[in-house]
N, C-alpha and C. Protein backbone atom coordinates (compact mmCIF):
# COMPACT_ATOMS: atom_id res chain seq x y z
N UNK A 1 1.07 18.77 -8.21
CA UNK A 1 1.46 17.36 -8.31
C UNK A 1 1.31 16.89 -9.75
N UNK A 2 2.40 16.43 -10.35
CA UNK A 2 2.37 15.97 -11.73
C UNK A 2 2.85 14.53 -11.85
N UNK A 3 2.80 13.79 -10.77
CA UNK A 3 3.29 12.43 -10.80
C UNK A 3 2.30 11.51 -11.53
N UNK A 4 2.86 10.49 -12.14
CA UNK A 4 2.05 9.45 -12.77
C UNK A 4 1.19 8.77 -11.71
N UNK A 5 -0.07 8.51 -12.05
CA UNK A 5 -0.95 7.76 -11.15
C UNK A 5 -0.64 6.28 -11.29
N UNK A 6 -0.44 5.63 -10.15
CA UNK A 6 -0.12 4.21 -10.11
C UNK A 6 -1.30 3.45 -9.49
N UNK A 7 -1.66 2.33 -10.10
CA UNK A 7 -2.66 1.43 -9.53
C UNK A 7 -1.95 0.19 -9.01
N UNK A 8 -2.24 -0.16 -7.75
CA UNK A 8 -1.61 -1.30 -7.09
C UNK A 8 -2.71 -2.27 -6.65
N UNK A 9 -3.07 -3.24 -7.48
CA UNK A 9 -4.09 -4.21 -7.08
C UNK A 9 -3.68 -4.97 -5.82
N UNK A 10 -4.61 -5.06 -4.88
CA UNK A 10 -4.33 -5.75 -3.62
C UNK A 10 -4.69 -7.22 -3.72
N UNK A 11 -3.70 -8.08 -3.53
CA UNK A 11 -3.93 -9.52 -3.59
C UNK A 11 -4.78 -10.02 -2.43
N UNK A 12 -5.06 -9.15 -1.45
CA UNK A 12 -5.93 -9.52 -0.35
C UNK A 12 -7.31 -9.95 -0.86
N UNK A 13 -7.75 -9.36 -1.96
CA UNK A 13 -9.08 -9.65 -2.50
C UNK A 13 -9.07 -10.73 -3.57
N UNK A 14 -7.91 -11.26 -3.89
CA UNK A 14 -7.83 -12.32 -4.89
C UNK A 14 -8.25 -13.65 -4.28
N UNK A 15 -8.50 -14.62 -5.13
CA UNK A 15 -8.78 -15.99 -4.69
C UNK A 15 -7.45 -16.60 -4.24
N UNK A 16 -7.32 -16.87 -2.95
CA UNK A 16 -6.04 -17.36 -2.42
C UNK A 16 -5.64 -18.71 -3.01
N UNK A 17 -6.58 -19.45 -3.55
CA UNK A 17 -6.24 -20.74 -4.16
C UNK A 17 -5.68 -20.56 -5.57
N UNK A 18 -5.74 -19.31 -6.07
CA UNK A 18 -5.27 -19.03 -7.44
C UNK A 18 -4.40 -17.78 -7.46
N UNK A 19 -3.53 -17.62 -6.48
CA UNK A 19 -2.73 -16.41 -6.40
C UNK A 19 -1.80 -16.26 -7.61
N UNK A 20 -1.24 -17.35 -8.09
CA UNK A 20 -0.35 -17.26 -9.25
C UNK A 20 -1.12 -16.71 -10.45
N UNK A 21 -2.35 -17.18 -10.64
CA UNK A 21 -3.16 -16.69 -11.75
C UNK A 21 -3.50 -15.21 -11.58
N UNK A 22 -3.73 -14.79 -10.32
CA UNK A 22 -4.02 -13.38 -10.06
C UNK A 22 -2.80 -12.51 -10.39
N UNK A 23 -1.62 -13.00 -10.01
CA UNK A 23 -0.39 -12.26 -10.33
C UNK A 23 -0.22 -12.17 -11.84
N UNK A 24 -0.48 -13.23 -12.55
CA UNK A 24 -0.34 -13.23 -14.00
C UNK A 24 -1.34 -12.28 -14.66
N UNK A 25 -2.55 -12.19 -14.10
CA UNK A 25 -3.52 -11.24 -14.62
C UNK A 25 -2.99 -9.82 -14.47
N UNK A 26 -2.42 -9.52 -13.30
CA UNK A 26 -1.88 -8.18 -13.08
C UNK A 26 -0.71 -7.93 -14.02
N UNK A 27 0.11 -8.96 -14.26
CA UNK A 27 1.22 -8.82 -15.21
C UNK A 27 0.74 -8.37 -16.57
N UNK A 28 -0.41 -8.89 -16.99
CA UNK A 28 -0.95 -8.59 -18.32
C UNK A 28 -1.75 -7.29 -18.35
N UNK A 29 -1.94 -6.68 -17.21
CA UNK A 29 -2.77 -5.48 -17.11
C UNK A 29 -1.92 -4.21 -17.16
N UNK A 30 -2.62 -3.08 -17.05
CA UNK A 30 -1.94 -1.78 -17.05
C UNK A 30 -1.45 -1.38 -15.66
N UNK A 31 -1.75 -2.19 -14.65
CA UNK A 31 -1.30 -1.88 -13.29
C UNK A 31 0.22 -1.93 -13.22
N UNK A 32 0.79 -1.00 -12.46
CA UNK A 32 2.25 -0.93 -12.36
C UNK A 32 2.80 -1.67 -11.15
N UNK A 33 2.01 -1.80 -10.08
CA UNK A 33 2.47 -2.41 -8.83
C UNK A 33 1.56 -3.58 -8.44
N UNK A 34 2.08 -4.43 -7.56
CA UNK A 34 1.27 -5.42 -6.84
C UNK A 34 1.35 -5.08 -5.36
N UNK A 35 0.19 -5.05 -4.70
CA UNK A 35 0.13 -4.69 -3.29
C UNK A 35 -0.13 -5.94 -2.45
N UNK A 36 0.76 -6.16 -1.50
CA UNK A 36 0.66 -7.34 -0.62
C UNK A 36 0.31 -6.89 0.80
N UNK A 37 -0.87 -7.24 1.27
CA UNK A 37 -1.30 -6.90 2.62
C UNK A 37 -0.94 -8.03 3.57
N UNK A 38 0.08 -7.82 4.37
CA UNK A 38 0.56 -8.83 5.31
C UNK A 38 -0.06 -8.56 6.68
N UNK A 39 -0.81 -9.51 7.20
CA UNK A 39 -1.52 -9.33 8.47
C UNK A 39 -1.17 -10.45 9.44
N UNK A 40 -1.04 -10.10 10.71
CA UNK A 40 -0.54 -11.06 11.70
C UNK A 40 -1.58 -11.53 12.71
N UNK A 41 -2.82 -11.03 12.64
CA UNK A 41 -3.81 -11.43 13.63
C UNK A 41 -3.63 -10.78 14.99
N UNK A 42 -2.67 -9.88 15.09
CA UNK A 42 -2.42 -9.15 16.35
C UNK A 42 -2.69 -7.67 16.16
N UNK A 43 -1.99 -7.05 15.22
CA UNK A 43 -2.23 -5.63 14.95
C UNK A 43 -3.60 -5.44 14.30
N UNK A 44 -3.98 -6.39 13.47
CA UNK A 44 -5.30 -6.39 12.84
C UNK A 44 -5.95 -7.75 13.09
N UNK A 45 -7.29 -7.81 13.11
CA UNK A 45 -7.98 -9.06 13.44
C UNK A 45 -8.12 -9.99 12.24
N UNK A 46 -7.03 -10.25 11.56
CA UNK A 46 -7.06 -11.12 10.40
C UNK A 46 -5.64 -11.62 10.15
N UNK A 47 -5.51 -12.76 9.51
CA UNK A 47 -4.21 -13.32 9.13
C UNK A 47 -4.24 -13.58 7.63
N UNK A 48 -3.23 -13.12 6.92
CA UNK A 48 -3.20 -13.35 5.47
C UNK A 48 -1.99 -14.19 5.11
N UNK A 49 -1.05 -13.61 4.37
CA UNK A 49 0.12 -14.35 3.94
C UNK A 49 1.38 -13.69 4.46
N UNK A 50 2.45 -14.47 4.42
CA UNK A 50 3.73 -13.96 4.91
C UNK A 50 4.79 -13.96 3.85
N UNK A 51 6.03 -13.92 4.29
CA UNK A 51 7.14 -13.79 3.35
C UNK A 51 7.29 -15.00 2.44
N UNK A 52 6.88 -16.18 2.89
CA UNK A 52 7.05 -17.37 2.05
C UNK A 52 6.17 -17.31 0.81
N UNK A 53 4.97 -16.76 0.94
CA UNK A 53 4.07 -16.64 -0.22
C UNK A 53 4.63 -15.61 -1.20
N UNK A 54 5.09 -14.49 -0.67
CA UNK A 54 5.66 -13.46 -1.53
C UNK A 54 6.89 -13.99 -2.26
N UNK A 55 7.74 -14.72 -1.53
CA UNK A 55 8.94 -15.29 -2.15
C UNK A 55 8.57 -16.29 -3.24
N UNK A 56 7.53 -17.09 -3.01
CA UNK A 56 7.12 -18.10 -3.99
C UNK A 56 6.60 -17.48 -5.27
N UNK A 57 5.98 -16.30 -5.16
CA UNK A 57 5.37 -15.66 -6.32
C UNK A 57 6.26 -14.60 -6.98
N UNK A 58 7.32 -14.21 -6.31
CA UNK A 58 8.22 -13.20 -6.86
C UNK A 58 8.75 -13.58 -8.26
N UNK A 59 9.11 -14.86 -8.52
CA UNK A 59 9.63 -15.20 -9.85
C UNK A 59 8.63 -15.05 -10.99
N UNK A 60 7.35 -14.91 -10.64
CA UNK A 60 6.32 -14.87 -11.68
C UNK A 60 5.94 -13.44 -12.08
N UNK A 61 6.63 -12.44 -11.56
CA UNK A 61 6.30 -11.07 -11.93
C UNK A 61 7.52 -10.17 -11.87
N UNK A 62 7.63 -9.30 -12.87
CA UNK A 62 8.68 -8.29 -12.88
C UNK A 62 8.17 -6.95 -12.36
N UNK A 63 6.90 -6.91 -11.97
CA UNK A 63 6.33 -5.65 -11.51
C UNK A 63 6.75 -5.35 -10.07
N UNK A 64 6.52 -4.14 -9.67
CA UNK A 64 6.95 -3.62 -8.37
C UNK A 64 6.12 -4.25 -7.25
N UNK A 65 6.81 -4.84 -6.26
CA UNK A 65 6.14 -5.48 -5.12
C UNK A 65 6.07 -4.49 -3.95
N UNK A 66 4.85 -4.04 -3.70
CA UNK A 66 4.52 -3.06 -2.65
C UNK A 66 4.00 -3.85 -1.44
N UNK A 67 4.85 -4.02 -0.43
CA UNK A 67 4.52 -4.89 0.71
C UNK A 67 4.13 -4.04 1.91
N UNK A 68 2.90 -4.22 2.36
CA UNK A 68 2.32 -3.44 3.45
C UNK A 68 2.24 -4.32 4.69
N UNK A 69 3.09 -4.04 5.66
CA UNK A 69 3.16 -4.85 6.88
C UNK A 69 2.18 -4.32 7.93
N UNK A 70 1.07 -5.02 8.08
CA UNK A 70 0.10 -4.72 9.15
C UNK A 70 0.37 -5.70 10.28
N UNK A 71 1.54 -5.54 10.90
CA UNK A 71 2.01 -6.50 11.89
C UNK A 71 2.67 -5.76 13.06
N UNK A 72 2.64 -6.39 14.21
CA UNK A 72 3.37 -5.89 15.37
C UNK A 72 4.87 -6.15 15.19
N UNK A 73 5.68 -5.33 15.80
CA UNK A 73 7.14 -5.48 15.78
C UNK A 73 7.68 -5.69 14.36
N UNK A 74 7.37 -4.78 13.45
CA UNK A 74 7.80 -4.98 12.06
C UNK A 74 9.30 -5.08 11.88
N UNK A 75 10.06 -4.45 12.77
CA UNK A 75 11.51 -4.50 12.65
C UNK A 75 12.07 -5.90 12.69
N UNK A 76 11.36 -6.83 13.32
CA UNK A 76 11.82 -8.21 13.41
C UNK A 76 11.75 -8.93 12.06
N UNK A 77 10.96 -8.40 11.13
CA UNK A 77 10.68 -9.13 9.90
C UNK A 77 11.11 -8.40 8.63
N UNK A 78 11.65 -7.22 8.77
CA UNK A 78 12.03 -6.43 7.60
C UNK A 78 13.01 -7.19 6.71
N UNK A 79 14.04 -7.77 7.29
CA UNK A 79 15.04 -8.46 6.50
C UNK A 79 14.44 -9.64 5.74
N UNK A 80 13.51 -10.35 6.38
CA UNK A 80 12.89 -11.51 5.73
C UNK A 80 12.05 -11.08 4.53
N UNK A 81 11.30 -10.00 4.68
CA UNK A 81 10.48 -9.54 3.57
C UNK A 81 11.33 -8.92 2.46
N UNK A 82 12.42 -8.28 2.84
CA UNK A 82 13.34 -7.78 1.82
C UNK A 82 13.92 -8.95 1.02
N UNK A 83 14.29 -10.00 1.71
CA UNK A 83 14.84 -11.18 1.05
C UNK A 83 13.82 -11.93 0.22
N UNK A 84 12.54 -11.78 0.58
CA UNK A 84 11.48 -12.47 -0.17
C UNK A 84 11.17 -11.80 -1.49
N UNK A 85 11.64 -10.55 -1.66
CA UNK A 85 11.43 -9.90 -2.94
C UNK A 85 10.66 -8.60 -2.90
N UNK A 86 10.41 -8.05 -1.71
CA UNK A 86 9.73 -6.76 -1.63
C UNK A 86 10.58 -5.68 -2.27
N UNK A 87 9.95 -4.77 -3.01
CA UNK A 87 10.64 -3.59 -3.52
C UNK A 87 10.46 -2.41 -2.59
N UNK A 88 9.31 -2.35 -1.94
CA UNK A 88 8.99 -1.31 -0.97
C UNK A 88 8.34 -1.97 0.24
N UNK A 89 8.77 -1.58 1.41
CA UNK A 89 8.20 -2.13 2.65
C UNK A 89 7.59 -0.99 3.45
N UNK A 90 6.28 -1.09 3.67
CA UNK A 90 5.57 -0.08 4.44
C UNK A 90 5.21 -0.62 5.81
N UNK A 91 5.53 0.15 6.84
CA UNK A 91 5.19 -0.24 8.21
C UNK A 91 4.26 0.82 8.80
N UNK A 92 3.51 0.42 9.80
CA UNK A 92 2.58 1.34 10.44
C UNK A 92 3.25 2.15 11.54
N UNK A 93 2.98 3.43 11.53
CA UNK A 93 3.42 4.30 12.61
C UNK A 93 2.99 3.73 13.96
N UNK A 94 1.79 3.14 14.01
CA UNK A 94 1.22 2.66 15.28
C UNK A 94 1.93 1.43 15.82
N UNK A 95 2.74 0.75 15.00
CA UNK A 95 3.36 -0.51 15.44
C UNK A 95 4.85 -0.39 15.73
N UNK A 96 5.46 0.71 15.31
CA UNK A 96 6.92 0.82 15.40
C UNK A 96 7.30 1.86 16.47
N UNK A 97 7.80 1.39 17.61
CA UNK A 97 8.23 2.30 18.67
C UNK A 97 9.44 3.12 18.23
N UNK A 98 10.25 2.53 17.38
CA UNK A 98 11.46 3.20 16.90
C UNK A 98 11.38 3.23 15.37
N UNK A 99 10.53 4.09 14.86
CA UNK A 99 10.22 4.12 13.43
C UNK A 99 11.44 4.48 12.60
N UNK A 100 12.25 5.40 13.09
CA UNK A 100 13.44 5.80 12.34
C UNK A 100 14.41 4.62 12.19
N UNK A 101 14.51 3.81 13.23
CA UNK A 101 15.38 2.63 13.18
C UNK A 101 14.88 1.62 12.14
N UNK A 102 13.57 1.41 12.12
CA UNK A 102 12.99 0.49 11.13
C UNK A 102 13.23 1.02 9.72
N UNK A 103 13.08 2.33 9.55
CA UNK A 103 13.36 2.94 8.26
C UNK A 103 14.79 2.63 7.82
N UNK A 104 15.73 2.76 8.75
CA UNK A 104 17.13 2.48 8.42
C UNK A 104 17.33 1.01 8.05
N UNK A 105 16.62 0.12 8.73
CA UNK A 105 16.71 -1.30 8.40
C UNK A 105 16.29 -1.54 6.95
N UNK A 106 15.17 -0.93 6.58
CA UNK A 106 14.64 -1.10 5.22
C UNK A 106 15.64 -0.54 4.20
N UNK A 107 16.12 0.67 4.45
CA UNK A 107 17.04 1.32 3.51
C UNK A 107 18.36 0.55 3.40
N UNK A 108 18.81 0.00 4.52
CA UNK A 108 20.07 -0.75 4.51
C UNK A 108 19.98 -2.01 3.66
N UNK A 109 18.77 -2.48 3.42
CA UNK A 109 18.55 -3.64 2.57
C UNK A 109 18.34 -3.23 1.11
N UNK A 110 18.48 -1.95 0.84
CA UNK A 110 18.34 -1.47 -0.53
C UNK A 110 16.90 -1.36 -1.00
N UNK A 111 15.97 -1.31 -0.04
CA UNK A 111 14.55 -1.25 -0.38
C UNK A 111 13.98 0.13 -0.09
N UNK A 112 12.86 0.44 -0.74
CA UNK A 112 12.17 1.68 -0.44
C UNK A 112 11.36 1.52 0.85
N UNK A 113 11.18 2.64 1.54
CA UNK A 113 10.50 2.63 2.84
C UNK A 113 9.20 3.42 2.78
N UNK A 114 8.15 2.82 3.32
CA UNK A 114 6.88 3.51 3.42
C UNK A 114 6.38 3.53 4.85
N UNK A 115 5.60 4.55 5.18
CA UNK A 115 4.99 4.65 6.52
C UNK A 115 3.49 4.81 6.34
N UNK A 116 2.73 4.04 7.11
CA UNK A 116 1.27 4.04 7.02
C UNK A 116 0.65 4.56 8.31
N UNK A 117 -0.54 5.16 8.17
CA UNK A 117 -1.29 5.60 9.34
C UNK A 117 -2.74 5.13 9.23
N UNK A 118 -3.29 4.75 10.36
CA UNK A 118 -4.68 4.33 10.46
C UNK A 118 -5.62 5.53 10.35
N UNK A 119 -6.91 5.28 10.13
CA UNK A 119 -7.87 6.39 10.02
C UNK A 119 -7.91 7.32 11.23
N UNK A 120 -7.63 6.80 12.42
CA UNK A 120 -7.71 7.63 13.62
C UNK A 120 -6.40 8.31 13.98
N UNK A 121 -5.34 8.09 13.20
CA UNK A 121 -4.04 8.67 13.49
C UNK A 121 -3.85 9.97 12.71
N UNK A 122 -3.56 11.08 13.37
CA UNK A 122 -3.34 12.35 12.67
C UNK A 122 -2.10 12.30 11.78
N UNK A 123 -2.17 12.97 10.66
CA UNK A 123 -1.04 13.01 9.73
C UNK A 123 0.20 13.61 10.38
N UNK A 124 0.00 14.56 11.28
CA UNK A 124 1.12 15.23 11.93
C UNK A 124 2.05 14.29 12.68
N UNK A 125 1.55 13.11 13.05
CA UNK A 125 2.37 12.16 13.80
C UNK A 125 3.57 11.66 13.00
N UNK A 126 3.47 11.71 11.66
CA UNK A 126 4.56 11.19 10.84
C UNK A 126 5.37 12.30 10.18
N UNK A 127 5.17 13.51 10.62
CA UNK A 127 5.87 14.64 9.99
C UNK A 127 7.38 14.46 10.02
N UNK A 128 7.92 13.95 11.11
CA UNK A 128 9.37 13.85 11.24
C UNK A 128 9.98 12.70 10.45
N UNK A 129 9.15 11.75 9.99
CA UNK A 129 9.70 10.64 9.20
C UNK A 129 9.50 10.87 7.70
N UNK A 130 8.63 11.79 7.32
CA UNK A 130 8.35 12.03 5.90
C UNK A 130 9.61 12.37 5.10
N UNK A 131 10.55 13.16 5.66
CA UNK A 131 11.76 13.45 4.86
C UNK A 131 12.56 12.22 4.46
N UNK A 132 12.37 11.10 5.16
CA UNK A 132 13.12 9.88 4.89
C UNK A 132 12.31 8.83 4.14
N UNK A 133 11.03 9.09 3.94
CA UNK A 133 10.13 8.08 3.37
C UNK A 133 10.07 8.16 1.85
N UNK A 134 9.85 7.01 1.23
CA UNK A 134 9.60 6.95 -0.20
C UNK A 134 8.10 6.95 -0.48
N UNK A 135 7.31 6.64 0.55
CA UNK A 135 5.87 6.57 0.39
C UNK A 135 5.18 6.80 1.72
N UNK A 136 4.09 7.53 1.68
CA UNK A 136 3.18 7.68 2.82
C UNK A 136 1.87 7.02 2.44
N UNK A 137 1.36 6.15 3.31
CA UNK A 137 0.11 5.45 3.06
C UNK A 137 -0.95 5.92 4.05
N UNK A 138 -2.01 6.52 3.50
CA UNK A 138 -3.16 6.91 4.31
C UNK A 138 -4.22 5.82 4.18
N UNK A 139 -4.52 5.16 5.28
CA UNK A 139 -5.57 4.14 5.27
C UNK A 139 -6.93 4.83 5.27
N UNK A 140 -7.75 4.50 4.28
CA UNK A 140 -9.08 5.09 4.18
C UNK A 140 -10.17 4.14 4.65
N UNK A 141 -9.75 3.02 5.26
CA UNK A 141 -10.62 2.13 6.03
C UNK A 141 -9.78 1.66 7.22
N UNK A 142 -10.43 1.07 8.20
CA UNK A 142 -9.67 0.46 9.29
C UNK A 142 -9.05 -0.84 8.77
N UNK A 143 -7.74 -1.00 8.92
CA UNK A 143 -7.07 -2.14 8.29
C UNK A 143 -7.50 -3.47 8.87
N UNK A 144 -7.45 -4.49 8.01
CA UNK A 144 -7.75 -5.84 8.46
C UNK A 144 -8.59 -6.65 7.51
N UNK A 145 -9.48 -5.99 6.78
CA UNK A 145 -10.36 -6.71 5.88
C UNK A 145 -10.60 -5.91 4.61
N UNK A 146 -10.83 -6.61 3.51
CA UNK A 146 -11.16 -5.97 2.26
C UNK A 146 -12.65 -5.68 2.18
N UNK A 147 -13.03 -4.89 1.18
CA UNK A 147 -14.44 -4.65 0.91
C UNK A 147 -15.12 -3.64 1.80
N UNK A 148 -14.35 -2.85 2.55
CA UNK A 148 -14.95 -1.86 3.44
C UNK A 148 -15.24 -0.55 2.71
N UNK A 149 -16.11 0.25 3.30
CA UNK A 149 -16.51 1.51 2.70
C UNK A 149 -15.50 2.61 3.01
N UNK A 150 -15.19 3.41 2.01
CA UNK A 150 -14.25 4.52 2.11
C UNK A 150 -14.69 5.51 3.19
N UNK A 151 -13.75 5.90 4.07
CA UNK A 151 -14.04 6.89 5.11
C UNK A 151 -13.79 8.28 4.53
N UNK A 152 -14.86 9.07 4.43
CA UNK A 152 -14.78 10.36 3.73
C UNK A 152 -13.74 11.30 4.33
N UNK A 153 -13.52 11.24 5.62
CA UNK A 153 -12.55 12.11 6.30
C UNK A 153 -11.14 11.90 5.75
N UNK A 154 -10.93 10.77 5.10
CA UNK A 154 -9.62 10.46 4.55
C UNK A 154 -9.18 11.48 3.50
N UNK A 155 -10.13 12.11 2.83
CA UNK A 155 -9.79 13.09 1.80
C UNK A 155 -9.06 14.28 2.41
N UNK A 156 -9.50 14.73 3.58
CA UNK A 156 -8.82 15.83 4.26
C UNK A 156 -7.43 15.40 4.70
N UNK A 157 -7.30 14.15 5.14
CA UNK A 157 -5.99 13.66 5.56
C UNK A 157 -5.03 13.56 4.37
N UNK A 158 -5.56 13.16 3.22
CA UNK A 158 -4.73 13.12 2.02
C UNK A 158 -4.24 14.52 1.65
N UNK A 159 -5.10 15.49 1.76
CA UNK A 159 -4.71 16.87 1.46
C UNK A 159 -3.61 17.34 2.41
N UNK A 160 -3.77 17.02 3.69
CA UNK A 160 -2.75 17.41 4.67
C UNK A 160 -1.42 16.71 4.39
N UNK A 161 -1.51 15.41 4.10
CA UNK A 161 -0.30 14.65 3.80
C UNK A 161 0.39 15.19 2.55
N UNK A 162 -0.39 15.54 1.54
CA UNK A 162 0.18 16.07 0.31
C UNK A 162 0.93 17.37 0.58
N UNK A 163 0.36 18.24 1.43
CA UNK A 163 1.01 19.50 1.75
C UNK A 163 2.35 19.26 2.44
N UNK A 164 2.37 18.32 3.39
CA UNK A 164 3.61 18.01 4.10
C UNK A 164 4.65 17.39 3.17
N UNK A 165 4.21 16.49 2.31
CA UNK A 165 5.13 15.85 1.37
C UNK A 165 5.74 16.89 0.43
N UNK A 166 4.90 17.75 -0.11
CA UNK A 166 5.40 18.77 -1.04
C UNK A 166 6.40 19.70 -0.36
N UNK A 167 6.21 19.92 0.93
CA UNK A 167 7.10 20.80 1.68
C UNK A 167 8.39 20.11 2.10
N UNK A 168 8.29 18.83 2.51
CA UNK A 168 9.41 18.16 3.15
C UNK A 168 10.15 17.16 2.27
N UNK A 169 9.45 16.58 1.30
CA UNK A 169 10.05 15.51 0.50
C UNK A 169 9.22 15.29 -0.76
N UNK A 170 9.34 16.17 -1.74
CA UNK A 170 8.48 16.10 -2.93
C UNK A 170 8.59 14.80 -3.72
N UNK A 171 9.68 14.08 -3.56
CA UNK A 171 9.83 12.82 -4.30
C UNK A 171 9.00 11.69 -3.69
N UNK A 172 8.53 11.87 -2.49
CA UNK A 172 7.75 10.84 -1.78
C UNK A 172 6.39 10.67 -2.44
N UNK A 173 5.95 9.43 -2.55
CA UNK A 173 4.63 9.15 -3.10
C UNK A 173 3.58 9.10 -1.99
N UNK A 174 2.33 9.35 -2.38
CA UNK A 174 1.21 9.33 -1.43
C UNK A 174 0.21 8.27 -1.88
N UNK A 175 0.07 7.25 -1.07
CA UNK A 175 -0.77 6.10 -1.38
C UNK A 175 -2.04 6.13 -0.52
N UNK A 176 -3.13 5.63 -1.09
CA UNK A 176 -4.39 5.51 -0.35
C UNK A 176 -4.88 4.08 -0.51
N UNK A 177 -5.41 3.52 0.58
CA UNK A 177 -5.80 2.10 0.59
C UNK A 177 -7.10 1.97 1.36
N UNK A 178 -8.13 1.46 0.68
CA UNK A 178 -9.39 1.17 1.35
C UNK A 178 -10.58 1.81 0.67
N UNK A 179 -11.48 0.97 0.14
CA UNK A 179 -12.69 1.49 -0.47
C UNK A 179 -12.47 2.25 -1.77
N UNK A 180 -11.39 1.95 -2.46
CA UNK A 180 -11.10 2.66 -3.72
C UNK A 180 -11.86 2.00 -4.87
N UNK A 181 -12.65 2.81 -5.56
CA UNK A 181 -13.43 2.34 -6.70
C UNK A 181 -13.57 3.48 -7.71
N UNK A 182 -14.44 3.34 -8.68
CA UNK A 182 -14.54 4.35 -9.73
C UNK A 182 -15.09 5.67 -9.22
N UNK A 183 -15.79 5.66 -8.07
CA UNK A 183 -16.29 6.91 -7.48
C UNK A 183 -15.24 7.58 -6.59
N UNK A 184 -14.56 6.80 -5.76
CA UNK A 184 -13.64 7.38 -4.77
C UNK A 184 -12.25 7.65 -5.34
N UNK A 185 -11.84 6.91 -6.37
CA UNK A 185 -10.49 7.10 -6.92
C UNK A 185 -10.24 8.52 -7.39
N UNK A 186 -11.13 9.13 -8.20
CA UNK A 186 -10.84 10.50 -8.64
C UNK A 186 -10.84 11.51 -7.50
N UNK A 187 -11.63 11.25 -6.46
CA UNK A 187 -11.63 12.14 -5.29
C UNK A 187 -10.30 12.05 -4.56
N UNK A 188 -9.78 10.83 -4.43
CA UNK A 188 -8.49 10.63 -3.76
C UNK A 188 -7.36 11.28 -4.55
N UNK A 189 -7.39 11.14 -5.87
CA UNK A 189 -6.35 11.75 -6.71
C UNK A 189 -6.43 13.27 -6.60
N UNK A 190 -7.64 13.81 -6.61
CA UNK A 190 -7.81 15.26 -6.49
C UNK A 190 -7.26 15.76 -5.15
N UNK A 191 -7.38 14.91 -4.11
CA UNK A 191 -6.89 15.28 -2.78
C UNK A 191 -5.39 15.13 -2.65
N UNK A 192 -4.74 14.50 -3.65
CA UNK A 192 -3.28 14.42 -3.62
C UNK A 192 -2.68 13.05 -3.75
N UNK A 193 -3.49 12.00 -3.73
CA UNK A 193 -2.94 10.64 -3.84
C UNK A 193 -2.40 10.39 -5.24
N UNK A 194 -1.30 9.64 -5.33
CA UNK A 194 -0.80 9.24 -6.64
C UNK A 194 -0.59 7.73 -6.75
N UNK A 195 -0.87 6.98 -5.67
CA UNK A 195 -0.87 5.52 -5.73
C UNK A 195 -2.21 5.04 -5.17
N UNK A 196 -2.94 4.28 -5.97
CA UNK A 196 -4.27 3.80 -5.60
C UNK A 196 -4.21 2.30 -5.38
N UNK A 197 -4.46 1.88 -4.14
CA UNK A 197 -4.57 0.45 -3.83
C UNK A 197 -6.05 0.07 -3.95
N UNK A 198 -6.32 -0.95 -4.72
CA UNK A 198 -7.71 -1.41 -4.89
C UNK A 198 -7.73 -2.92 -4.92
N UNK A 199 -8.61 -3.50 -4.14
CA UNK A 199 -8.74 -4.95 -4.12
C UNK A 199 -10.10 -5.42 -4.57
N UNK A 200 -11.10 -5.16 -3.76
CA UNK A 200 -12.44 -5.65 -4.05
C UNK A 200 -12.96 -5.13 -5.39
N UNK A 201 -12.74 -3.85 -5.68
CA UNK A 201 -13.23 -3.28 -6.94
C UNK A 201 -12.65 -4.01 -8.14
N UNK A 202 -11.37 -4.36 -8.05
CA UNK A 202 -10.71 -5.03 -9.17
C UNK A 202 -11.11 -6.50 -9.26
N UNK A 203 -10.97 -7.22 -8.15
CA UNK A 203 -11.14 -8.67 -8.21
C UNK A 203 -12.59 -9.13 -8.21
N UNK A 204 -13.53 -8.24 -7.87
CA UNK A 204 -14.95 -8.60 -7.97
C UNK A 204 -15.55 -8.15 -9.31
N UNK A 205 -14.76 -7.43 -10.08
CA UNK A 205 -15.22 -6.94 -11.38
C UNK A 205 -15.25 -8.09 -12.39
N UNK A 206 -16.21 -8.06 -13.31
CA UNK A 206 -16.31 -9.15 -14.30
C UNK A 206 -15.09 -9.16 -15.23
N UNK A 207 -14.41 -8.01 -15.32
CA UNK A 207 -13.19 -7.90 -16.13
C UNK A 207 -12.16 -7.12 -15.32
N UNK A 208 -11.34 -7.82 -14.51
CA UNK A 208 -10.40 -7.14 -13.62
C UNK A 208 -9.44 -6.19 -14.34
N UNK A 209 -9.00 -6.58 -15.54
CA UNK A 209 -8.09 -5.69 -16.27
C UNK A 209 -8.80 -4.40 -16.68
N UNK A 210 -10.07 -4.50 -17.01
CA UNK A 210 -10.85 -3.31 -17.34
C UNK A 210 -11.01 -2.43 -16.10
N UNK A 211 -11.22 -3.04 -14.94
CA UNK A 211 -11.35 -2.28 -13.69
C UNK A 211 -10.08 -1.48 -13.42
N UNK A 212 -8.93 -2.07 -13.69
CA UNK A 212 -7.66 -1.37 -13.51
C UNK A 212 -7.58 -0.17 -14.43
N UNK A 213 -7.99 -0.35 -15.68
CA UNK A 213 -7.99 0.76 -16.64
C UNK A 213 -8.93 1.88 -16.20
N UNK A 214 -10.08 1.51 -15.62
CA UNK A 214 -11.02 2.51 -15.13
C UNK A 214 -10.36 3.39 -14.08
N UNK A 215 -9.62 2.77 -13.16
CA UNK A 215 -8.96 3.52 -12.10
C UNK A 215 -7.86 4.42 -12.66
N UNK A 216 -7.13 3.91 -13.63
CA UNK A 216 -6.04 4.68 -14.21
C UNK A 216 -6.53 5.88 -15.01
N UNK A 217 -7.69 5.73 -15.61
CA UNK A 217 -8.19 6.76 -16.53
C UNK A 217 -9.31 7.61 -15.94
N UNK A 218 -9.60 7.39 -14.67
CA UNK A 218 -10.72 8.09 -14.04
C UNK A 218 -10.38 9.57 -13.78
């Protein structure tokens, strides 16, 4: 794997009363992506922001908008999030009964498609969709809240996912989300990840831009 490592700060850990300022901080940083954790209170026990917030903030950044839908029935909302300014839309294997159809919806809107799996979901479950995916997201915590501890078993899942990606779709990126910090980031990269989502580590740091550099250079 020789892909550039990408850091995607998660706005889930930002101060929601100052989201525009958080986006501007990321604009000025070395981070390449912005990660939006969309939660519906059904698939996960938390509610965050929806397409209207993403649409409102899209004009304030030229960086890549990585939108992670932690919602039931994602196919109902793909077009709305595409219209709001998402560059990549990731849906959970666990929420999409017709995952291939949702993938087609995303692609038909000219957007990149990602598929995510929870900590308890085997990587093999997404083997048949990997050839069509632009990104695979391995959750290294149970989705729903920021600030959780990295699940060590995720490293083996990243290795398995990397092997499948290299075999089936080498252009696909491998993202990891949950508990990423200066200790876990290099382990995740060694296991095959090339996109690091980090929220609490970045936004609780006394210098968030420095925290981003730490992840990029670790």
